[in-house]
């Protein structure tokens, strides 16, 4: 069933993750909010991390609590090791541990590699690949021995196709993907299953900060290769994360799951009207 953000609500009819505690970093807006809503719908208690925009976090908390989910909010900048340590201390004190960590938080600076600065490079690395490594190190003690332990990272399609001015982002996300693979190997003895989700183009706030998405690479043009003229939704991404948290998915490990409706197979090829209607 296709839904929108506002229609993903907790239900007692199907809650396969009931009783589990999930941390979603960058969990109050965009894809992160969709993941928070989906995990809440499937029964999780939520620890929602945000960096500096408290209002969307408070609004999401109120929304999910009204639907019966226990939610705690945690302000922390994952580029700051001290903030990550404080975040884990708060979660341990409030929830007693974690079953699921979704590392969704990340930031970028859009620039050509030719003109990018060292500060820009370091910022993007710190908020993506380094943050993932530090978050994993700090969360392992909270995940060890917990049922259904999962560490899931979120990457994007910059690692598989050229997106103008996104080279810094691609390098950092490629690092995140490799870190996830090594974590899968190293954490398997603890019963912690690690995977990565790679959504296709999702129309989130990036369209407001990237001039070339609305000038020259418009959303309508970018999605034209899809058979139904739509891009990946927040809900598509959230569904993949939730699926990987199921007990039945315990043997899916060390994978990067692409969630793009097949776009990487035919993106840029184009379709004739006959193909679209076939």
C-alpha atoms as a PDB file:
ATOM      1  CA  UNK A   1       0.000   0.000   0.000  1.00  0.00           C
ATOM      2  CA  UNK A   2       1.342   3.425  -0.939  1.00  0.00           C
ATOM      3  CA  UNK A   3       1.120   6.029   1.811  1.00  0.00           C
ATOM      4  CA  UNK A   4       2.179   9.550   2.574  1.00  0.00           C
ATOM      5  CA  UNK A   5       4.116  10.689   5.628  1.00  0.00           C
ATOM      6  CA  UNK A   6       0.975  11.698   7.484  1.00  0.00           C
ATOM      7  CA  UNK A   7      -0.691   8.310   7.016  1.00  0.00           C
ATOM      8  CA  UNK A   8       2.060   6.144   8.491  1.00  0.00           C
ATOM      9  CA  UNK A   9       0.646   5.513  11.951  1.00  0.00           C
ATOM     10  CA  UNK A  10       1.320   2.916  14.631  1.00  0.00           C
ATOM     11  CA  UNK A  11      -1.089  -0.002  14.674  1.00  0.00           C
ATOM     12  CA  UNK A  12      -1.435  -2.992  16.954  1.00  0.00           C
ATOM     13  CA  UNK A  13      -2.307  -5.159  13.945  1.00  0.00           C
ATOM     14  CA  UNK A  14       1.290  -5.465  12.712  1.00  0.00           C
ATOM     15  CA  UNK A  15       4.118  -4.446  15.018  1.00  0.00           C
ATOM     16  CA  UNK A  16       6.992  -6.865  14.372  1.00  0.00           C
ATOM     17  CA  UNK A  17       9.488  -4.553  16.106  1.00  0.00           C
ATOM     18  CA  UNK A  18       7.410  -3.982  19.204  1.00  0.00           C
ATOM     19  CA  UNK A  19       9.513  -3.425  22.327  1.00  0.00           C
ATOM     20  CA  UNK A  20      12.692  -2.497  20.456  1.00  0.00           C
ATOM     21  CA  UNK A  21      14.479   0.812  20.877  1.00  0.00           C
ATOM     22  CA  UNK A  22      15.633   2.599  17.730  1.00  0.00           C
ATOM     23  CA  UNK A  23      17.917   5.601  17.361  1.00  0.00           C
ATOM     24  CA  UNK A  24      17.400   7.527  14.120  1.00  0.00           C
ATOM     25  CA  UNK A  25      20.022  10.201  13.529  1.00  0.00           C
ATOM     26  CA  UNK A  26      18.809  13.175  11.550  1.00  0.00           C
ATOM     27  CA  UNK A  27      15.457  11.643  12.358  1.00  0.00           C
ATOM     28  CA  UNK A  28      13.164  14.662  12.476  1.00  0.00           C
ATOM     29  CA  UNK A  29      13.039  15.753   8.830  1.00  0.00           C
ATOM     30  CA  UNK A  30      13.073  14.334   5.310  1.00  0.00           C
ATOM     31  CA  UNK A  31      14.068  10.694   4.934  1.00  0.00           C
ATOM     32  CA  UNK A  32      14.932  10.533   8.632  1.00  0.00           C
ATOM     33  CA  UNK A  33      11.420  11.537   9.655  1.00  0.00           C
ATOM     34  CA  UNK A  34       9.993   8.920   7.322  1.00  0.00           C
ATOM     35  CA  UNK A  35      12.189   6.275   8.939  1.00  0.00           C
ATOM     36  CA  UNK A  36      11.131   7.440  12.401  1.00  0.00           C
ATOM     37  CA  UNK A  37       7.463   7.196  11.445  1.00  0.00           C
ATOM     38  CA  UNK A  38       7.847   3.747   9.911  1.00  0.00           C
ATOM     39  CA  UNK A  39       9.740   2.287  12.865  1.00  0.00           C
ATOM     40  CA  UNK A  40       7.145   3.796  15.199  1.00  0.00           C
ATOM     41  CA  UNK A  41       4.381   2.199  13.139  1.00  0.00           C
ATOM     42  CA  UNK A  42       6.114  -1.153  13.525  1.00  0.00           C
ATOM     43  CA  UNK A  43       6.284  -0.838  17.292  1.00  0.00           C
ATOM     44  CA  UNK A  44       9.644   0.746  18.119  1.00  0.00           C
ATOM     45  CA  UNK A  45      10.369   3.124  20.949  1.00  0.00           C
ATOM     46  CA  UNK A  46      12.222   6.011  19.322  1.00  0.00           C
ATOM     47  CA  UNK A  47      15.249   8.111  20.159  1.00  0.00           C
ATOM     48  CA  UNK A  48      15.247  10.872  17.545  1.00  0.00           C
ATOM     49  CA  UNK A  49      18.434  12.833  16.994  1.00  0.00           C
ATOM     50  CA  UNK A  50      18.549  16.283  15.417  1.00  0.00           C
ATOM     51  CA  UNK A  51      21.318  18.865  15.046  1.00  0.00           C
ATOM     52  CA  UNK A  52      19.844  22.326  15.533  1.00  0.00           C
ATOM     53  CA  UNK A  53      16.247  22.558  14.311  1.00  0.00           C
ATOM     54  CA  UNK A  54      14.243  21.809  17.419  1.00  0.00           C
ATOM     55  CA  UNK A  55      10.806  22.744  16.087  1.00  0.00           C
ATOM     56  CA  UNK A  56      10.444  19.902  13.542  1.00  0.00           C
ATOM     57  CA  UNK A  57      11.757  17.474  16.162  1.00  0.00           C
ATOM     58  CA  UNK A  58       9.200  18.615  18.739  1.00  0.00           C
ATOM     59  CA  UNK A  59       6.411  18.442  16.167  1.00  0.00           C
ATOM     60  CA  UNK A  60       7.354  14.895  15.181  1.00  0.00           C
ATOM     61  CA  UNK A  61       7.561  13.853  18.832  1.00  0.00           C
ATOM     62  CA  UNK A  62       4.070  15.219  19.503  1.00  0.00           C
ATOM     63  CA  UNK A  63       2.694  13.506  16.396  1.00  0.00           C
ATOM     64  CA  UNK A  64       4.109  10.093  17.283  1.00  0.00           C
ATOM     65  CA  UNK A  65       3.265  10.313  20.978  1.00  0.00           C
ATOM     66  CA  UNK A  66      -0.330  11.076  20.044  1.00  0.00           C
ATOM     67  CA  UNK A  67      -0.302   7.791  18.148  1.00  0.00           C
ATOM     68  CA  UNK A  68       1.039   5.892  21.152  1.00  0.00           C
ATOM     69  CA  UNK A  69       4.796   5.801  20.536  1.00  0.00           C
ATOM     70  CA  UNK A  70       7.322   6.607  23.246  1.00  0.00           C
ATOM     71  CA  UNK A  71       9.761   9.188  21.833  1.00  0.00           C
ATOM     72  CA  UNK A  72      12.827  10.929  23.236  1.00  0.00           C
ATOM     73  CA  UNK A  73      14.601  13.816  21.487  1.00  0.00           C
ATOM     74  CA  UNK A  74      18.363  14.255  21.470  1.00  0.00           C
ATOM     75  CA  UNK A  75      20.201  17.285  20.120  1.00  0.00           C
ATOM     76  CA  UNK A  76      23.687  16.295  18.970  1.00  0.00           C
ATOM     77  CA  UNK A  77      26.085  17.164  16.167  1.00  0.00           C
ATOM     78  CA  UNK A  78      27.589  13.900  14.944  1.00  0.00           C
ATOM     79  CA  UNK A  79      30.621  15.770  13.650  1.00  0.00           C
ATOM     80  CA  UNK A  80      31.517  16.350  17.322  1.00  0.00           C
ATOM     81  CA  UNK A  81      32.819  13.229  19.129  1.00  0.00           C
ATOM     82  CA  UNK A  82      31.826  14.696  22.502  1.00  0.00           C
ATOM     83  CA  UNK A  83      28.244  15.110  21.288  1.00  0.00           C
ATOM     84  CA  UNK A  84      28.105  11.467  20.214  1.00  0.00           C
ATOM     85  CA  UNK A  85      29.336  10.305  23.617  1.00  0.00           C
ATOM     86  CA  UNK A  86      26.761  12.495  25.333  1.00  0.00           C
ATOM     87  CA  UNK A  87      24.041  11.150  23.033  1.00  0.00           C
ATOM     88  CA  UNK A  88      24.868   7.560  23.964  1.00  0.00           C
ATOM     89  CA  UNK A  89      24.917   8.412  27.669  1.00  0.00           C
ATOM     90  CA  UNK A  90      21.459   9.966  27.365  1.00  0.00           C
ATOM     91  CA  UNK A  91      20.039   6.964  25.532  1.00  0.00           C
ATOM     92  CA  UNK A  92      21.562   4.502  27.976  1.00  0.00           C
ATOM     93  CA  UNK A  93      20.087   6.435  30.895  1.00  0.00           C
ATOM     94  CA  UNK A  94      16.645   6.814  29.336  1.00  0.00           C
ATOM     95  CA  UNK A  95      16.198   3.549  27.435  1.00  0.00           C
ATOM     96  CA  UNK A  96      18.766   1.152  28.879  1.00  0.00           C
ATOM     97  CA  UNK A  97      20.265   0.309  25.501  1.00  0.00           C
ATOM     98  CA  UNK A  98      19.488   0.100  21.800  1.00  0.00           C
ATOM     99  CA  UNK A  99      18.241  -2.529  19.381  1.00  0.00           C
ATOM    100  CA  UNK A 100      18.475  -0.458  16.211  1.00  0.00           C
ATOM    101  CA  UNK A 101      20.695   2.397  15.067  1.00  0.00           C
ATOM    102  CA  UNK A 102      19.901   4.147  11.792  1.00  0.00           C
ATOM    103  CA  UNK A 103      22.711   6.481  10.771  1.00  0.00           C
ATOM    104  CA  UNK A 104      20.803   8.822   8.486  1.00  0.00           C
ATOM    105  CA  UNK A 105      22.382  12.147   9.451  1.00  0.00           C
ATOM    106  CA  UNK A 106      24.739  13.759   6.998  1.00  0.00           C
ATOM    107  CA  UNK A 107      25.512  17.063   5.352  1.00  0.00           C
ATOM    108  CA  UNK A 108      27.366  18.295   2.318  1.00  0.00           C
ATOM    109  CA  UNK A 109      28.824  21.242   0.479  1.00  0.00           C
ATOM    110  CA  UNK A 110      28.078  21.300  -3.238  1.00  0.00           C
ATOM    111  CA  UNK A 111      31.110  22.240  -5.280  1.00  0.00           C
ATOM    112  CA  UNK A 112      33.214  21.131  -8.197  1.00  0.00           C
ATOM    113  CA  UNK A 113      36.251  19.217  -6.977  1.00  0.00           C
ATOM    114  CA  UNK A 114      38.410  21.688  -8.873  1.00  0.00           C
ATOM    115  CA  UNK A 115      37.240  24.603  -6.742  1.00  0.00           C
ATOM    116  CA  UNK A 116      36.395  22.852  -3.458  1.00  0.00           C
ATOM    117  CA  UNK A 117      38.317  23.936  -0.372  1.00  0.00           C
ATOM    118  CA  UNK A 118      39.998  21.800   2.251  1.00  0.00           C
ATOM    119  CA  UNK A 119      37.477  23.055   4.816  1.00  0.00           C
ATOM    120  CA  UNK A 120      34.611  21.903   2.598  1.00  0.00           C
ATOM    121  CA  UNK A 121      36.212  18.495   2.123  1.00  0.00           C
ATOM    122  CA  UNK A 122      36.751  18.070   5.859  1.00  0.00           C
ATOM    123  CA  UNK A 123      33.205  19.179   6.722  1.00  0.00           C
ATOM    124  CA  UNK A 124      31.634  16.623   4.388  1.00  0.00           C
ATOM    125  CA  UNK A 125      33.898  13.823   5.622  1.00  0.00           C
ATOM    126  CA  UNK A 126      33.280  14.713   9.266  1.00  0.00           C
ATOM    127  CA  UNK A 127      29.489  14.727   8.910  1.00  0.00           C
ATOM    128  CA  UNK A 128      29.274  11.504   6.904  1.00  0.00           C
ATOM    129  CA  UNK A 129      31.990   8.835   6.964  1.00  0.00           C
ATOM    130  CA  UNK A 130      33.740   9.918  10.166  1.00  0.00           C
ATOM    131  CA  UNK A 131      30.414  10.426  11.944  1.00  0.00           C
ATOM    132  CA  UNK A 132      29.358   6.913  10.938  1.00  0.00           C
ATOM    133  CA  UNK A 133      32.544   5.386  12.330  1.00  0.00           C
ATOM    134  CA  UNK A 134      32.310   7.318  15.604  1.00  0.00           C
ATOM    135  CA  UNK A 135      28.604   6.557  16.022  1.00  0.00           C
ATOM    136  CA  UNK A 136      29.276   2.856  15.507  1.00  0.00           C
ATOM    137  CA  UNK A 137      32.111   2.838  18.049  1.00  0.00           C
ATOM    138  CA  UNK A 138      29.958   4.539  20.672  1.00  0.00           C
ATOM    139  CA  UNK A 139      26.773   2.557  20.032  1.00  0.00           C
ATOM    140  CA  UNK A 140      28.284  -0.939  20.014  1.00  0.00           C
ATOM    141  CA  UNK A 141      28.090  -1.316  23.822  1.00  0.00           C
ATOM    142  CA  UNK A 142      24.386  -0.377  23.698  1.00  0.00           C
ATOM    143  CA  UNK A 143      23.667  -2.896  20.917  1.00  0.00           C
ATOM    144  CA  UNK A 144      25.628  -5.911  22.167  1.00  0.00           C
ATOM    145  CA  UNK A 145      23.434  -8.758  23.309  1.00  0.00           C
ATOM    146  CA  UNK A 146      20.193  -7.024  22.354  1.00  0.00           C
ATOM    147  CA  UNK A 147      17.594  -8.912  20.297  1.00  0.00           C
ATOM    148  CA  UNK A 148      17.414  -7.892  16.662  1.00  0.00           C
ATOM    149  CA  UNK A 149      20.511  -5.683  16.880  1.00  0.00           C
ATOM    150  CA  UNK A 150      20.910  -3.616  13.719  1.00  0.00           C
ATOM    151  CA  UNK A 151      23.239  -0.848  12.533  1.00  0.00           C
ATOM    152  CA  UNK A 152      21.913   0.620   9.298  1.00  0.00           C
ATOM    153  CA  UNK A 153      23.469   3.442   7.324  1.00  0.00           C
ATOM    154  CA  UNK A 154      21.976   5.657   4.633  1.00  0.00           C
ATOM    155  CA  UNK A 155      23.933   6.525   1.516  1.00  0.00           C
ATOM    156  CA  UNK A 156      22.776   7.999  -1.802  1.00  0.00           C
ATOM    157  CA  UNK A 157      23.147   7.613  -5.549  1.00  0.00           C
ATOM    158  CA  UNK A 158      26.162   9.922  -5.816  1.00  0.00           C
ATOM    159  CA  UNK A 159      28.308   6.801  -5.403  1.00  0.00           C
ATOM    160  CA  UNK A 160      26.859   5.086  -8.479  1.00  0.00           C
ATOM    161  CA  UNK A 161      26.191   7.901 -10.959  1.00  0.00           C
ATOM    162  CA  UNK A 162      27.545  11.366 -11.619  1.00  0.00           C
ATOM    163  CA  UNK A 163      25.551  14.170 -10.020  1.00  0.00           C
ATOM    164  CA  UNK A 164      26.993  17.596 -10.855  1.00  0.00           C
ATOM    165  CA  UNK A 165      28.856  19.316  -8.009  1.00  0.00           C
ATOM    166  CA  UNK A 166      28.398  16.339  -5.671  1.00  0.00           C
ATOM    167  CA  UNK A 167      31.927  14.918  -5.761  1.00  0.00           C
ATOM    168  CA  UNK A 168      32.624  15.726  -2.112  1.00  0.00           C
ATOM    169  CA  UNK A 169      29.387  14.026  -1.102  1.00  0.00           C
ATOM    170  CA  UNK A 170      30.156  10.979  -3.249  1.00  0.00           C
ATOM    171  CA  UNK A 171      33.592  10.520  -1.685  1.00  0.00           C
ATOM    172  CA  UNK A 172      32.169  10.714   1.834  1.00  0.00           C
ATOM    173  CA  UNK A 173      29.247   8.388   1.096  1.00  0.00           C
ATOM    174  CA  UNK A 174      31.560   5.892  -0.590  1.00  0.00           C
ATOM    175  CA  UNK A 175      33.541   5.841   2.631  1.00  0.00           C
ATOM    176  CA  UNK A 176      30.332   5.309   4.592  1.00  0.00           C
ATOM    177  CA  UNK A 177      29.419   2.332   2.406  1.00  0.00           C
ATOM    178  CA  UNK A 178      32.813   0.678   2.916  1.00  0.00           C
ATOM    179  CA  UNK A 179      32.712   1.381   6.657  1.00  0.00           C
ATOM    180  CA  UNK A 180      29.341  -0.395   6.751  1.00  0.00           C
ATOM    181  CA  UNK A 181      30.832  -3.474   5.077  1.00  0.00           C
ATOM    182  CA  UNK A 182      33.719  -3.653   7.525  1.00  0.00           C
ATOM    183  CA  UNK A 183      31.362  -3.086  10.460  1.00  0.00           C
ATOM    184  CA  UNK A 184      29.271  -5.998   9.217  1.00  0.00           C
ATOM    185  CA  UNK A 185      32.317  -8.259   9.401  1.00  0.00           C
ATOM    186  CA  UNK A 186      33.612  -6.960  12.727  1.00  0.00           C
ATOM    187  CA  UNK A 187      30.273  -6.771  14.566  1.00  0.00           C
ATOM    188  CA  UNK A 188      28.847 -10.105  13.408  1.00  0.00           C
ATOM    189  CA  UNK A 189      30.295 -11.952  16.441  1.00  0.00           C
ATOM    190  CA  UNK A 190      28.234  -9.620  18.656  1.00  0.00           C
ATOM    191  CA  UNK A 191      25.033 -10.443  16.782  1.00  0.00           C
ATOM    192  CA  UNK A 192      24.858  -6.946  15.285  1.00  0.00           C
ATOM    193  CA  UNK A 193      23.712  -7.000  11.663  1.00  0.00           C
ATOM    194  CA  UNK A 194      24.914  -4.090   9.514  1.00  0.00           C
ATOM    195  CA  UNK A 195      23.567  -2.926   6.170  1.00  0.00           C
ATOM    196  CA  UNK A 196      23.340   0.206   4.066  1.00  0.00           C
ATOM    197  CA  UNK A 197      20.332   1.628   2.198  1.00  0.00           C
ATOM    198  CA  UNK A 198      20.870   3.648  -0.974  1.00  0.00           C
ATOM    199  CA  UNK A 199      17.720   5.575  -1.952  1.00  0.00           C
ATOM    200  CA  UNK A 200      17.365   6.921  -5.455  1.00  0.00           C
ATOM    201  CA  UNK A 201      16.497  10.552  -6.075  1.00  0.00           C
ATOM    202  CA  UNK A 202      14.189  11.690  -3.273  1.00  0.00           C
ATOM    203  CA  UNK A 203      12.546  15.104  -3.482  1.00  0.00           C
ATOM    204  CA  UNK A 204      13.500  16.475  -0.077  1.00  0.00           C
ATOM    205  CA  UNK A 205      15.103  19.740   1.004  1.00  0.00           C
ATOM    206  CA  UNK A 206      18.038  19.219  -1.361  1.00  0.00           C
ATOM    207  CA  UNK A 207      15.973  20.807  -4.117  1.00  0.00           C
ATOM    208  CA  UNK A 208      15.959  24.059  -2.137  1.00  0.00           C
ATOM    209  CA  UNK A 209      19.749  24.246  -1.757  1.00  0.00           C
ATOM    210  CA  UNK A 210      20.937  22.947  -5.118  1.00  0.00           C
ATOM    211  CA  UNK A 211      20.467  25.540  -7.867  1.00  0.00           C
ATOM    212  CA  UNK A 212      21.083  22.961 -10.574  1.00  0.00           C
ATOM    213  CA  UNK A 213      18.162  20.817  -9.430  1.00  0.00           C
ATOM    214  CA  UNK A 214      15.770  23.627 -10.227  1.00  0.00           C
ATOM    215  CA  UNK A 215      17.817  25.252 -12.985  1.00  0.00           C
ATOM    216  CA  UNK A 216      18.909  22.890 -15.713  1.00  0.00           C
ATOM    217  CA  UNK A 217      18.343  19.592 -13.878  1.00  0.00           C
ATOM    218  CA  UNK A 218      14.759  20.019 -12.840  1.00  0.00           C
ATOM    219  CA  UNK A 219      12.975  17.350 -10.841  1.00  0.00           C
ATOM    220  CA  UNK A 220      10.598  16.672 -13.721  1.00  0.00           C
ATOM    221  CA  UNK A 221      13.492  15.992 -16.080  1.00  0.00           C
ATOM    222  CA  UNK A 222      15.392  13.909 -13.550  1.00  0.00           C
ATOM    223  CA  UNK A 223      12.461  11.543 -12.990  1.00  0.00           C
ATOM    224  CA  UNK A 224      11.451  11.181 -16.648  1.00  0.00           C
ATOM    225  CA  UNK A 225      13.160   7.767 -17.111  1.00  0.00           C
ATOM    226  CA  UNK A 226      10.965   6.193 -14.418  1.00  0.00           C
ATOM    227  CA  UNK A 227       8.049   4.253 -15.916  1.00  0.00           C
ATOM    228  CA  UNK A 228       5.472   6.112 -13.828  1.00  0.00           C
ATOM    229  CA  UNK A 229       7.227   9.506 -13.826  1.00  0.00           C
ATOM    230  CA  UNK A 230       7.975   9.637 -10.133  1.00  0.00           C
ATOM    231  CA  UNK A 231      11.092   9.487  -8.046  1.00  0.00           C
ATOM    232  CA  UNK A 232      11.867   7.466  -4.936  1.00  0.00           C
ATOM    233  CA  UNK A 233       9.720   8.525  -1.994  1.00  0.00           C
ATOM    234  CA  UNK A 234      10.615   8.979   1.630  1.00  0.00           C
ATOM    235  CA  UNK A 235       8.305   6.056   2.353  1.00  0.00           C
ATOM    236  CA  UNK A 236      10.128   3.778  -0.113  1.00  0.00           C
ATOM    237  CA  UNK A 237      13.356   4.488   1.752  1.00  0.00           C
ATOM    238  CA  UNK A 238      11.778   3.986   5.172  1.00  0.00           C
ATOM    239  CA  UNK A 239      10.208   0.685   4.106  1.00  0.00           C
ATOM    240  CA  UNK A 240      13.624  -0.681   3.136  1.00  0.00           C
ATOM    241  CA  UNK A 241      15.120   0.265   6.492  1.00  0.00           C
ATOM    242  CA  UNK A 242      12.236  -1.303   8.395  1.00  0.00           C
ATOM    243  CA  UNK A 243      12.468  -4.487   6.329  1.00  0.00           C
ATOM    244  CA  UNK A 244      16.148  -4.864   7.228  1.00  0.00           C
ATOM    245  CA  UNK A 245      15.221  -4.633  10.915  1.00  0.00           C
ATOM    246  CA  UNK A 246      12.939  -7.675  10.758  1.00  0.00           C
ATOM    247  CA  UNK A 247      14.096 -10.909  12.356  1.00  0.00           C
ATOM    248  CA  UNK A 248      13.494 -12.566   8.987  1.00  0.00           C
ATOM    249  CA  UNK A 249      16.204 -10.316   7.469  1.00  0.00           C
ATOM    250  CA  UNK A 250      18.971 -11.404   9.842  1.00  0.00           C
ATOM    251  CA  UNK A 251      20.885 -13.176   7.046  1.00  0.00           C
ATOM    252  CA  UNK A 252      21.007 -10.048   4.895  1.00  0.00           C
ATOM    253  CA  UNK A 253      24.294  -8.553   6.045  1.00  0.00           C
ATOM    254  CA  UNK A 254      26.995  -6.270   4.698  1.00  0.00           C
ATOM    255  CA  UNK A 255      24.814  -5.210   1.785  1.00  0.00           C
ATOM    256  CA  UNK A 256      24.048  -1.877   0.177  1.00  0.00           C
ATOM    257  CA  UNK A 257      20.399  -2.076  -0.838  1.00  0.00           C
ATOM    258  CA  UNK A 258      19.488   0.233  -3.720  1.00  0.00           C
ATOM    259  CA  UNK A 259      15.934   1.573  -3.492  1.00  0.00           C
ATOM    260  CA  UNK A 260      15.334   3.427  -6.744  1.00  0.00           C
ATOM    261  CA  UNK A 261      12.609   1.593  -8.639  1.00  0.00           C
ATOM    262  CA  UNK A 262      15.205   0.302 -11.088  1.00  0.00           C
ATOM    263  CA  UNK A 263      16.386   3.770 -12.135  1.00  0.00           C
ATOM    264  CA  UNK A 264      20.046   2.787 -12.197  1.00  0.00           C
ATOM    265  CA  UNK A 265      19.201   0.223 -14.901  1.00  0.00           C
ATOM    266  CA  UNK A 266      17.561   2.649 -17.293  1.00  0.00           C
ATOM    267  CA  UNK A 267      18.344   6.168 -16.046  1.00  0.00           C
ATOM    268  CA  UNK A 268      19.277   8.370 -18.968  1.00  0.00           C
ATOM    269  CA  UNK A 269      18.061   5.834 -21.549  1.00  0.00           C
ATOM    270  CA  UNK A 270      14.659   7.426 -21.984  1.00  0.00           C
ATOM    271  CA  UNK A 271      11.474   5.684 -23.037  1.00  0.00           C
ATOM    272  CA  UNK A 272       9.264   5.838 -26.083  1.00  0.00           C
ATOM    273  CA  UNK A 273       5.538   6.245 -25.622  1.00  0.00           C
ATOM    274  CA  UNK A 274       5.106   2.640 -26.718  1.00  0.00           C
ATOM    275  CA  UNK A 275       7.489   1.392 -24.037  1.00  0.00           C
ATOM    276  CA  UNK A 276       5.741   3.476 -21.405  1.00  0.00           C
ATOM    277  CA  UNK A 277       2.368   2.018 -22.321  1.00  0.00           C
ATOM    278  CA  UNK A 278       3.505  -1.548 -22.943  1.00  0.00           C
END
